[in-house]
N, C-alpha and C. Protein backbone atom coordinates (compact mmCIF):
# COMPACT_ATOMS: atom_id res chain seq x y z
N UNK A 1 37.96 50.24 -135.29
CA UNK A 1 37.81 49.60 -136.63
C UNK A 1 36.62 50.15 -137.36
N UNK A 2 36.82 50.40 -138.64
CA UNK A 2 35.74 51.05 -139.40
C UNK A 2 34.96 49.97 -140.17
N UNK A 3 33.74 50.36 -140.58
CA UNK A 3 32.81 49.44 -141.27
C UNK A 3 33.51 48.96 -142.56
N UNK A 4 34.30 49.77 -143.24
CA UNK A 4 34.95 49.28 -144.43
C UNK A 4 35.88 48.17 -144.16
N UNK A 5 36.49 48.15 -142.95
CA UNK A 5 37.45 47.08 -142.50
C UNK A 5 36.60 45.88 -142.21
N UNK A 6 35.44 46.02 -141.60
CA UNK A 6 34.53 44.89 -141.32
C UNK A 6 34.18 44.19 -142.64
N UNK A 7 33.78 45.00 -143.61
CA UNK A 7 33.40 44.39 -144.94
C UNK A 7 34.60 43.73 -145.60
N UNK A 8 35.76 44.29 -145.41
CA UNK A 8 37.04 43.63 -145.94
C UNK A 8 37.27 42.31 -145.21
N UNK A 9 37.05 42.27 -143.95
CA UNK A 9 37.27 41.03 -143.18
C UNK A 9 36.29 39.96 -143.68
N UNK A 10 35.03 40.34 -143.92
CA UNK A 10 34.11 39.39 -144.48
C UNK A 10 34.56 38.85 -145.84
N UNK A 11 35.07 39.73 -146.64
CA UNK A 11 35.52 39.39 -147.93
C UNK A 11 36.66 38.33 -147.83
N UNK A 12 37.59 38.66 -146.91
CA UNK A 12 38.80 37.68 -146.73
C UNK A 12 38.32 36.39 -146.22
N UNK A 13 37.18 36.27 -145.50
CA UNK A 13 36.71 35.03 -144.95
C UNK A 13 36.03 34.17 -145.94
N UNK A 14 35.71 34.68 -147.18
CA UNK A 14 35.03 33.88 -148.26
C UNK A 14 33.57 33.72 -148.02
N UNK A 15 32.96 34.48 -147.12
CA UNK A 15 31.56 34.44 -146.88
C UNK A 15 30.77 34.89 -148.23
N UNK A 16 29.56 34.33 -148.38
CA UNK A 16 28.78 34.66 -149.51
C UNK A 16 28.21 36.04 -149.33
N UNK A 17 27.73 36.70 -150.39
CA UNK A 17 27.13 38.00 -150.30
C UNK A 17 27.98 39.03 -151.09
N UNK A 18 28.07 40.19 -150.50
CA UNK A 18 28.87 41.27 -151.21
C UNK A 18 30.25 40.86 -151.60
N UNK A 19 30.82 39.99 -150.80
CA UNK A 19 32.16 39.50 -151.06
C UNK A 19 32.27 38.77 -152.38
N UNK A 20 31.15 38.20 -152.84
CA UNK A 20 31.15 37.48 -154.07
C UNK A 20 30.56 38.34 -155.19
N UNK A 21 30.38 39.62 -154.87
CA UNK A 21 29.84 40.62 -155.89
C UNK A 21 28.40 40.70 -155.86
N UNK A 22 27.73 40.07 -154.93
CA UNK A 22 26.24 40.21 -154.87
C UNK A 22 25.85 40.44 -153.46
N UNK A 23 24.72 41.07 -153.31
CA UNK A 23 24.13 41.21 -151.98
C UNK A 23 22.79 40.48 -152.08
N UNK A 24 22.52 39.65 -151.12
CA UNK A 24 21.29 38.89 -151.16
C UNK A 24 20.17 39.71 -150.77
N UNK A 25 19.23 39.87 -151.71
CA UNK A 25 17.97 40.68 -151.50
C UNK A 25 16.77 39.89 -151.99
N UNK A 26 15.61 40.39 -151.67
CA UNK A 26 14.34 39.83 -152.07
C UNK A 26 13.37 40.92 -152.38
N UNK A 27 12.55 40.72 -153.40
CA UNK A 27 11.62 41.79 -153.75
C UNK A 27 10.44 41.89 -152.81
N UNK A 28 9.80 43.11 -152.69
CA UNK A 28 8.78 43.28 -151.69
C UNK A 28 7.48 42.54 -152.05
N UNK A 29 7.31 42.14 -153.28
CA UNK A 29 6.11 41.37 -153.68
C UNK A 29 6.25 39.85 -153.41
N UNK A 30 7.45 39.40 -153.10
CA UNK A 30 7.70 37.99 -152.73
C UNK A 30 6.96 37.76 -151.41
N UNK A 31 6.62 36.46 -151.24
CA UNK A 31 5.87 36.12 -150.01
C UNK A 31 6.71 35.79 -148.87
N UNK A 32 6.12 35.83 -147.69
CA UNK A 32 6.91 35.48 -146.48
C UNK A 32 7.48 34.09 -146.58
N UNK A 33 6.71 33.18 -147.16
CA UNK A 33 7.19 31.75 -147.35
C UNK A 33 8.48 31.76 -148.27
N UNK A 34 8.49 32.49 -149.27
CA UNK A 34 9.71 32.63 -150.15
C UNK A 34 10.87 33.16 -149.40
N UNK A 35 10.61 34.19 -148.55
CA UNK A 35 11.71 34.75 -147.72
C UNK A 35 12.25 33.67 -146.73
N UNK A 36 11.38 32.92 -146.15
CA UNK A 36 11.79 31.92 -145.12
C UNK A 36 12.66 30.92 -145.82
N UNK A 37 12.33 30.53 -147.05
CA UNK A 37 13.14 29.58 -147.85
C UNK A 37 14.48 30.15 -148.17
N UNK A 38 14.49 31.38 -148.50
CA UNK A 38 15.72 32.06 -148.85
C UNK A 38 16.62 32.16 -147.58
N UNK A 39 16.08 32.55 -146.49
CA UNK A 39 16.90 32.57 -145.29
C UNK A 39 17.46 31.24 -144.89
N UNK A 40 16.63 30.15 -145.03
CA UNK A 40 17.11 28.82 -144.72
C UNK A 40 18.17 28.40 -145.73
N UNK A 41 17.86 28.56 -147.08
CA UNK A 41 18.82 28.05 -148.08
C UNK A 41 20.14 28.78 -148.04
N UNK A 42 20.16 30.13 -147.74
CA UNK A 42 21.40 30.87 -147.71
C UNK A 42 22.07 30.87 -146.29
N UNK A 43 21.36 30.29 -145.32
CA UNK A 43 21.84 30.25 -143.94
C UNK A 43 22.17 31.61 -143.48
N UNK A 44 21.22 32.53 -143.60
CA UNK A 44 21.39 33.91 -143.14
C UNK A 44 20.33 34.29 -142.18
N UNK A 45 20.47 35.30 -141.36
CA UNK A 45 19.49 35.69 -140.36
C UNK A 45 18.57 36.80 -140.71
N UNK A 46 18.96 37.46 -141.82
CA UNK A 46 18.05 38.51 -142.33
C UNK A 46 18.23 38.69 -143.81
N UNK A 47 17.30 39.30 -144.43
CA UNK A 47 17.46 39.53 -145.90
C UNK A 47 16.91 41.02 -146.07
N UNK A 48 17.58 41.71 -146.95
CA UNK A 48 17.19 43.07 -147.33
C UNK A 48 16.11 42.99 -148.32
N UNK A 49 14.97 43.73 -148.16
CA UNK A 49 13.93 43.80 -149.18
C UNK A 49 14.24 44.99 -150.09
N UNK A 50 14.27 44.72 -151.41
CA UNK A 50 14.65 45.74 -152.30
C UNK A 50 14.08 45.49 -153.67
N UNK A 51 13.43 46.43 -154.35
CA UNK A 51 12.91 46.24 -155.71
C UNK A 51 13.98 46.17 -156.72
N UNK A 52 15.11 46.96 -156.54
CA UNK A 52 16.11 47.00 -157.56
C UNK A 52 17.41 46.29 -157.20
N UNK A 53 17.38 45.69 -155.99
CA UNK A 53 18.60 44.92 -155.48
C UNK A 53 19.69 45.86 -155.00
N UNK A 54 19.52 47.20 -155.03
CA UNK A 54 20.54 48.13 -154.63
C UNK A 54 20.10 49.05 -153.53
N UNK A 55 18.85 49.42 -153.45
CA UNK A 55 18.38 50.38 -152.39
C UNK A 55 17.50 49.61 -151.43
N UNK A 56 17.82 49.66 -150.17
CA UNK A 56 17.05 48.93 -149.17
C UNK A 56 15.58 49.67 -148.94
N UNK A 57 14.60 48.84 -149.04
CA UNK A 57 13.26 49.36 -148.81
C UNK A 57 12.71 48.85 -147.53
N UNK A 58 13.27 47.78 -147.05
CA UNK A 58 12.88 47.13 -145.83
C UNK A 58 13.89 46.02 -145.54
N UNK A 59 13.68 45.35 -144.38
CA UNK A 59 14.45 44.21 -143.99
C UNK A 59 13.58 43.21 -143.28
N UNK A 60 13.88 41.96 -143.41
CA UNK A 60 13.19 40.92 -142.80
C UNK A 60 14.16 39.99 -142.11
N UNK A 61 13.98 39.79 -140.74
CA UNK A 61 14.84 39.00 -140.04
C UNK A 61 14.07 37.74 -139.49
N UNK A 62 14.80 36.82 -139.03
CA UNK A 62 14.20 35.62 -138.41
C UNK A 62 13.24 36.01 -137.32
N UNK A 63 13.62 36.99 -136.61
CA UNK A 63 12.76 37.47 -135.46
C UNK A 63 11.44 38.01 -135.96
N UNK A 64 11.48 38.75 -137.16
CA UNK A 64 10.24 39.21 -137.82
C UNK A 64 9.37 38.09 -138.23
N UNK A 65 9.96 36.98 -138.74
CA UNK A 65 9.18 35.87 -139.20
C UNK A 65 8.46 35.27 -138.01
N UNK A 66 9.20 34.98 -136.91
CA UNK A 66 8.62 34.37 -135.72
C UNK A 66 7.45 35.34 -135.20
N UNK A 67 7.67 36.60 -135.08
CA UNK A 67 6.55 37.50 -134.66
C UNK A 67 5.34 37.44 -135.51
N UNK A 68 5.52 37.38 -136.81
CA UNK A 68 4.36 37.26 -137.71
C UNK A 68 3.64 35.95 -137.52
N UNK A 69 4.41 34.82 -137.47
CA UNK A 69 3.78 33.50 -137.28
C UNK A 69 3.07 33.45 -135.93
N UNK A 70 3.65 33.96 -135.00
CA UNK A 70 3.03 34.02 -133.64
C UNK A 70 1.74 34.82 -133.59
N UNK A 71 1.72 35.96 -134.28
CA UNK A 71 0.53 36.81 -134.20
C UNK A 71 -0.53 36.39 -135.22
N UNK A 72 -0.20 35.74 -136.33
CA UNK A 72 -1.23 35.50 -137.36
C UNK A 72 -1.29 34.02 -137.77
N UNK A 73 -0.50 33.20 -137.31
CA UNK A 73 -0.45 31.78 -137.68
C UNK A 73 0.14 31.54 -139.10
N UNK A 74 0.12 30.32 -139.57
CA UNK A 74 0.82 29.90 -140.74
C UNK A 74 0.21 30.55 -142.03
N UNK A 75 -1.00 31.07 -142.00
CA UNK A 75 -1.58 31.70 -143.12
C UNK A 75 -0.88 32.91 -143.47
N UNK A 76 -0.09 33.54 -142.65
CA UNK A 76 0.66 34.76 -142.97
C UNK A 76 1.77 34.48 -143.97
N UNK A 77 2.15 33.20 -144.12
CA UNK A 77 3.22 32.86 -145.09
C UNK A 77 2.91 33.23 -146.55
N UNK A 78 1.62 33.49 -146.86
CA UNK A 78 1.33 33.80 -148.18
C UNK A 78 1.29 35.34 -148.39
N UNK A 79 1.63 36.08 -147.34
CA UNK A 79 1.57 37.57 -147.31
C UNK A 79 2.80 38.14 -148.05
N UNK A 80 2.65 39.15 -148.92
CA UNK A 80 3.76 39.80 -149.49
C UNK A 80 4.63 40.51 -148.49
N UNK A 81 5.93 40.43 -148.73
CA UNK A 81 6.88 41.03 -147.77
C UNK A 81 6.65 42.50 -147.53
N UNK A 82 6.18 43.19 -148.51
CA UNK A 82 5.89 44.63 -148.34
C UNK A 82 4.96 44.95 -147.24
N UNK A 83 4.18 44.00 -146.89
CA UNK A 83 3.21 44.16 -145.83
C UNK A 83 3.70 43.78 -144.37
N UNK A 84 4.79 43.04 -144.39
CA UNK A 84 5.31 42.41 -143.07
C UNK A 84 6.69 42.81 -142.71
N UNK A 85 7.50 43.38 -143.72
CA UNK A 85 8.86 43.74 -143.49
C UNK A 85 8.95 44.90 -142.51
N UNK A 86 10.13 45.06 -141.92
CA UNK A 86 10.49 46.25 -141.20
C UNK A 86 10.82 47.32 -142.14
N UNK A 87 10.04 48.43 -142.15
CA UNK A 87 10.23 49.49 -143.13
C UNK A 87 11.27 50.50 -142.73
N UNK A 88 11.43 50.73 -141.43
CA UNK A 88 12.40 51.75 -140.93
C UNK A 88 13.78 51.07 -140.91
N UNK A 89 14.36 50.92 -142.09
CA UNK A 89 15.68 50.29 -142.15
C UNK A 89 16.79 51.30 -141.75
N UNK A 90 17.53 50.96 -140.73
CA UNK A 90 18.64 51.75 -140.33
C UNK A 90 19.84 51.27 -141.20
N UNK A 91 20.68 52.25 -141.61
CA UNK A 91 21.87 51.91 -142.42
C UNK A 91 23.06 52.55 -141.82
N UNK A 92 24.20 52.20 -142.34
CA UNK A 92 25.49 52.84 -141.93
C UNK A 92 26.35 53.08 -143.15
N UNK A 93 27.43 53.72 -143.00
CA UNK A 93 28.36 54.00 -144.07
C UNK A 93 29.70 53.31 -143.72
N UNK A 94 30.55 53.28 -144.74
CA UNK A 94 31.82 52.58 -144.62
C UNK A 94 32.78 53.33 -143.59
N UNK A 95 32.52 54.63 -143.37
CA UNK A 95 33.41 55.31 -142.51
C UNK A 95 33.02 55.36 -141.03
N UNK A 96 31.95 54.64 -140.69
CA UNK A 96 31.55 54.62 -139.31
C UNK A 96 32.33 53.59 -138.57
N UNK A 97 32.38 53.84 -137.18
CA UNK A 97 33.21 53.00 -136.31
C UNK A 97 32.39 51.80 -135.78
N UNK A 98 33.06 50.63 -135.68
CA UNK A 98 32.39 49.39 -135.24
C UNK A 98 31.77 49.53 -133.87
N UNK A 99 32.40 50.30 -132.93
CA UNK A 99 31.83 50.48 -131.67
C UNK A 99 30.54 51.28 -131.69
N UNK A 100 30.51 52.26 -132.63
CA UNK A 100 29.31 52.99 -132.82
C UNK A 100 28.14 52.16 -133.30
N UNK A 101 28.52 51.26 -134.29
CA UNK A 101 27.59 50.40 -134.87
C UNK A 101 27.01 49.41 -133.86
N UNK A 102 27.91 48.87 -133.01
CA UNK A 102 27.49 47.96 -131.91
C UNK A 102 26.42 48.69 -130.99
N UNK A 103 26.75 49.92 -130.61
CA UNK A 103 25.82 50.71 -129.80
C UNK A 103 24.50 50.85 -130.41
N UNK A 104 24.48 51.22 -131.73
CA UNK A 104 23.16 51.41 -132.41
C UNK A 104 22.41 50.16 -132.48
N UNK A 105 23.06 49.00 -132.77
CA UNK A 105 22.39 47.74 -132.81
C UNK A 105 21.81 47.31 -131.52
N UNK A 106 22.64 47.53 -130.41
CA UNK A 106 22.14 47.17 -129.13
C UNK A 106 20.99 48.07 -128.67
N UNK A 107 21.05 49.30 -128.87
CA UNK A 107 20.00 50.29 -128.51
C UNK A 107 18.72 49.95 -129.33
N UNK A 108 18.91 49.70 -130.58
CA UNK A 108 17.68 49.49 -131.47
C UNK A 108 17.19 48.05 -131.47
N UNK A 109 17.95 47.19 -130.85
CA UNK A 109 17.61 45.80 -130.69
C UNK A 109 17.40 45.10 -132.08
N UNK A 110 18.42 45.33 -132.93
CA UNK A 110 18.46 44.67 -134.21
C UNK A 110 19.86 44.21 -134.46
N UNK A 111 20.04 43.23 -135.39
CA UNK A 111 21.35 42.56 -135.47
C UNK A 111 21.91 42.71 -136.95
N UNK A 112 21.20 43.35 -137.83
CA UNK A 112 21.76 43.55 -139.20
C UNK A 112 21.63 44.91 -139.68
N UNK A 113 22.63 45.40 -140.41
CA UNK A 113 22.69 46.77 -140.84
C UNK A 113 23.30 46.90 -142.22
N UNK A 114 22.40 47.33 -143.15
CA UNK A 114 22.93 47.51 -144.56
C UNK A 114 23.95 48.64 -144.55
N UNK A 115 25.03 48.47 -145.26
CA UNK A 115 26.04 49.47 -145.50
C UNK A 115 25.73 50.13 -146.83
N UNK A 116 25.63 51.46 -146.77
CA UNK A 116 25.25 52.19 -148.08
C UNK A 116 26.27 53.22 -148.40
N UNK A 117 26.24 53.60 -149.71
CA UNK A 117 27.14 54.75 -150.15
C UNK A 117 26.32 56.05 -150.05
N UNK A 118 26.89 57.11 -150.50
CA UNK A 118 26.27 58.44 -150.43
C UNK A 118 24.91 58.46 -151.23
N UNK A 119 24.75 57.66 -152.19
CA UNK A 119 23.53 57.53 -153.05
C UNK A 119 22.43 56.71 -152.34
N UNK A 120 22.80 56.08 -151.29
CA UNK A 120 21.85 55.06 -150.65
C UNK A 120 21.84 53.74 -151.23
N UNK A 121 22.85 53.50 -152.12
CA UNK A 121 22.98 52.09 -152.65
C UNK A 121 23.84 51.21 -151.79
N UNK A 122 23.32 49.99 -151.58
CA UNK A 122 23.99 49.01 -150.69
C UNK A 122 25.43 48.59 -151.16
N UNK A 123 26.29 48.52 -150.24
CA UNK A 123 27.67 48.06 -150.46
C UNK A 123 27.88 46.72 -149.75
N UNK A 124 27.00 46.42 -148.81
CA UNK A 124 27.16 45.19 -148.10
C UNK A 124 26.15 45.16 -146.86
N UNK A 125 26.29 44.19 -145.99
CA UNK A 125 25.43 44.01 -144.91
C UNK A 125 26.34 43.61 -143.75
N UNK A 126 26.26 44.35 -142.62
CA UNK A 126 27.00 44.04 -141.42
C UNK A 126 26.08 43.44 -140.33
N UNK A 127 26.51 42.30 -139.75
CA UNK A 127 25.80 41.77 -138.67
C UNK A 127 26.42 42.16 -137.42
N UNK A 128 25.71 41.98 -136.26
CA UNK A 128 26.25 42.26 -135.00
C UNK A 128 27.52 41.32 -134.72
N UNK A 129 27.49 40.08 -135.27
CA UNK A 129 28.64 39.23 -135.11
C UNK A 129 29.87 39.75 -135.81
N UNK A 130 29.64 40.40 -137.02
CA UNK A 130 30.74 40.95 -137.67
C UNK A 130 31.40 42.15 -136.86
N UNK A 131 30.47 42.97 -136.30
CA UNK A 131 30.95 44.10 -135.48
C UNK A 131 31.64 43.59 -134.17
N UNK A 132 31.14 42.62 -133.58
CA UNK A 132 31.71 42.04 -132.37
C UNK A 132 33.11 41.46 -132.74
N UNK A 133 33.16 40.73 -133.77
CA UNK A 133 34.42 40.14 -134.19
C UNK A 133 35.54 41.14 -134.50
N UNK A 134 35.09 42.25 -135.13
CA UNK A 134 35.97 43.32 -135.51
C UNK A 134 36.45 44.00 -134.21
N UNK A 135 35.53 44.22 -133.33
CA UNK A 135 35.97 44.89 -132.08
C UNK A 135 36.87 44.08 -131.21
N UNK A 136 36.69 42.74 -131.23
CA UNK A 136 37.56 41.83 -130.45
C UNK A 136 38.97 41.85 -131.05
N UNK A 137 39.01 41.86 -132.39
CA UNK A 137 40.32 41.93 -133.05
C UNK A 137 41.11 43.23 -132.71
N UNK A 138 40.30 44.32 -132.68
CA UNK A 138 40.85 45.58 -132.30
C UNK A 138 41.36 45.60 -130.93
N UNK A 139 40.66 45.06 -129.94
CA UNK A 139 41.04 44.92 -128.59
C UNK A 139 42.28 44.09 -128.40
N UNK A 140 42.33 42.96 -129.17
CA UNK A 140 43.47 42.11 -129.10
C UNK A 140 44.77 42.85 -129.54
N UNK A 141 44.64 43.57 -130.62
CA UNK A 141 45.76 44.37 -131.10
C UNK A 141 46.27 45.39 -130.18
N UNK A 142 45.32 46.05 -129.51
CA UNK A 142 45.64 46.99 -128.40
C UNK A 142 46.36 46.41 -127.29
N UNK A 143 45.85 45.22 -126.86
CA UNK A 143 46.49 44.38 -125.77
C UNK A 143 47.93 44.12 -126.13
N UNK A 144 48.09 43.64 -127.41
CA UNK A 144 49.38 43.18 -127.77
C UNK A 144 50.34 44.37 -127.85
N UNK A 145 49.86 45.50 -128.25
CA UNK A 145 50.69 46.73 -128.31
C UNK A 145 51.11 47.16 -126.92
N UNK A 146 50.17 47.14 -125.97
CA UNK A 146 50.46 47.50 -124.62
C UNK A 146 51.40 46.54 -123.97
N UNK A 147 51.24 45.27 -124.21
CA UNK A 147 52.06 44.23 -123.60
C UNK A 147 53.50 44.44 -124.23
N UNK A 148 53.61 44.68 -125.47
CA UNK A 148 54.90 44.99 -126.08
C UNK A 148 55.59 46.21 -125.47
N UNK A 149 54.79 47.25 -125.19
CA UNK A 149 55.34 48.45 -124.60
C UNK A 149 55.89 48.18 -123.18
N UNK A 150 55.11 47.40 -122.42
CA UNK A 150 55.52 47.11 -121.02
C UNK A 150 56.76 46.16 -121.02
N UNK A 151 56.78 45.21 -121.93
CA UNK A 151 57.88 44.26 -122.04
C UNK A 151 59.14 44.90 -122.66
N UNK A 152 58.95 46.02 -123.27
CA UNK A 152 60.09 46.70 -123.89
C UNK A 152 60.46 46.17 -125.25
N UNK A 153 59.52 45.62 -126.00
CA UNK A 153 59.91 45.12 -127.25
C UNK A 153 59.46 46.02 -128.35
């Protein structure tokens, strides 16, 4: 299954975000407290940090928030995201395979991956849950096909 199919499945499910014509982003000058509120309000596990809403400059996950709070205490909530976000954002393209994406996420120990076009502009965001769901659907289809072949249908 390809990333473009994963994005399509998200669209079909009615999830907020790219499917509704928007990608949830936050500006690098916003504070960590503002990002925490956005994560909670939108019920999402990560938010892409972007000045223009199209090009990923960083990413902030729930895990990043916990690490910052653990290391610096609640005073860190006033810190601009540009100082605490993960800057080395890994991305993928719509033509990549879900299994490849799963392997990259597992090896890199991250759970969210912006999908970008050739210009580096975001098309959506894939979570590890999206990739696992896609892979499970792919395996179920293979199983059904093999079962049909064995049963002669």
